[in-house]
């Protein structure tokens, strides 16, 4: 087994951005955020990470700017 270390490929990051940013702008690549509102919901959001309840990136919004 061989691990994957992102820093081994960091020199390719700008090339990756040149490739993926136009795709994101065209709507061909999308991402999902699971948003929990309020700091009081933070513990439940963390438990959801470990139980597989969340979809995509888990975000806890503590203040709207």
Protein backbone atom coordinates (compact mmCIF):
# COMPACT_ATOMS: atom_id res chain seq x y z
CA UNK A 1 0.00 0.00 0.00
CA UNK A 2 1.23 3.48 -0.83
CA UNK A 3 -0.19 6.64 0.63
CA UNK A 4 -1.10 9.78 -1.26
CA UNK A 5 0.59 12.95 -0.10
CA UNK A 6 -0.82 16.07 -1.69
CA UNK A 7 2.47 17.95 -1.32
CA UNK A 8 4.10 15.48 -3.70
CA UNK A 9 1.93 16.99 -6.44
CA UNK A 10 1.76 20.61 -5.29
CA UNK A 11 3.90 21.72 -8.21
CA UNK A 12 0.99 20.72 -10.51
CA UNK A 13 -1.56 22.87 -8.66
CA UNK A 14 -1.49 25.82 -11.08
CA UNK A 15 -1.92 23.45 -14.02
CA UNK A 16 -4.89 21.88 -12.22
CA UNK A 17 -6.49 25.30 -11.64
CA UNK A 18 -6.08 26.22 -15.30
CA UNK A 19 -7.92 23.03 -16.18
CA UNK A 20 -10.69 22.98 -13.58
CA UNK A 21 -11.67 26.65 -13.14
CA UNK A 22 -13.21 26.98 -16.63
CA UNK A 23 -15.18 23.79 -15.97
CA UNK A 24 -16.51 25.19 -12.70
CA UNK A 25 -17.48 28.47 -14.40
CA UNK A 26 -19.36 26.52 -17.11
CA UNK A 27 -21.23 24.54 -14.45
CA UNK A 28 -19.71 21.22 -15.53
CA UNK A 29 -18.14 20.66 -12.10
CA UNK A 30 -20.28 21.32 -9.05
CA UNK A 31 -19.79 20.84 -5.33
CA UNK A 32 -22.21 20.34 -2.49
CA UNK A 33 -22.09 21.96 0.93
CA UNK A 34 -24.06 20.67 3.91
CA UNK A 35 -24.67 23.82 5.95
CA UNK A 36 -25.57 23.79 9.65
CA UNK A 37 -26.81 27.15 10.94
CA UNK A 38 -25.56 28.33 14.33
CA UNK A 39 -22.77 27.32 16.65
CA UNK A 40 -25.23 25.34 18.78
CA UNK A 41 -25.64 22.95 15.83
CA UNK A 42 -21.90 22.37 15.54
CA UNK A 43 -21.77 19.25 17.73
CA UNK A 44 -24.59 17.60 15.78
CA UNK A 45 -22.83 18.46 12.51
CA UNK A 46 -19.64 16.83 13.80
CA UNK A 47 -21.52 13.70 14.81
CA UNK A 48 -23.09 13.69 11.35
CA UNK A 49 -19.61 13.61 9.80
CA UNK A 50 -18.81 10.39 11.63
CA UNK A 51 -22.18 8.76 10.98
CA UNK A 52 -22.29 9.58 7.26
CA UNK A 53 -25.27 11.90 7.54
CA UNK A 54 -23.71 14.85 5.72
CA UNK A 55 -23.38 15.24 1.96
CA UNK A 56 -20.41 17.11 0.53
CA UNK A 57 -18.46 19.59 2.60
CA UNK A 58 -19.79 20.18 6.12
CA UNK A 59 -19.98 23.87 7.03
CA UNK A 60 -21.16 25.42 10.29
CA UNK A 61 -22.27 29.03 9.86
CA UNK A 62 -21.72 30.96 13.07
CA UNK A 63 -22.22 34.49 11.71
CA UNK A 64 -23.36 36.08 8.49
CA UNK A 65 -21.16 38.96 7.41
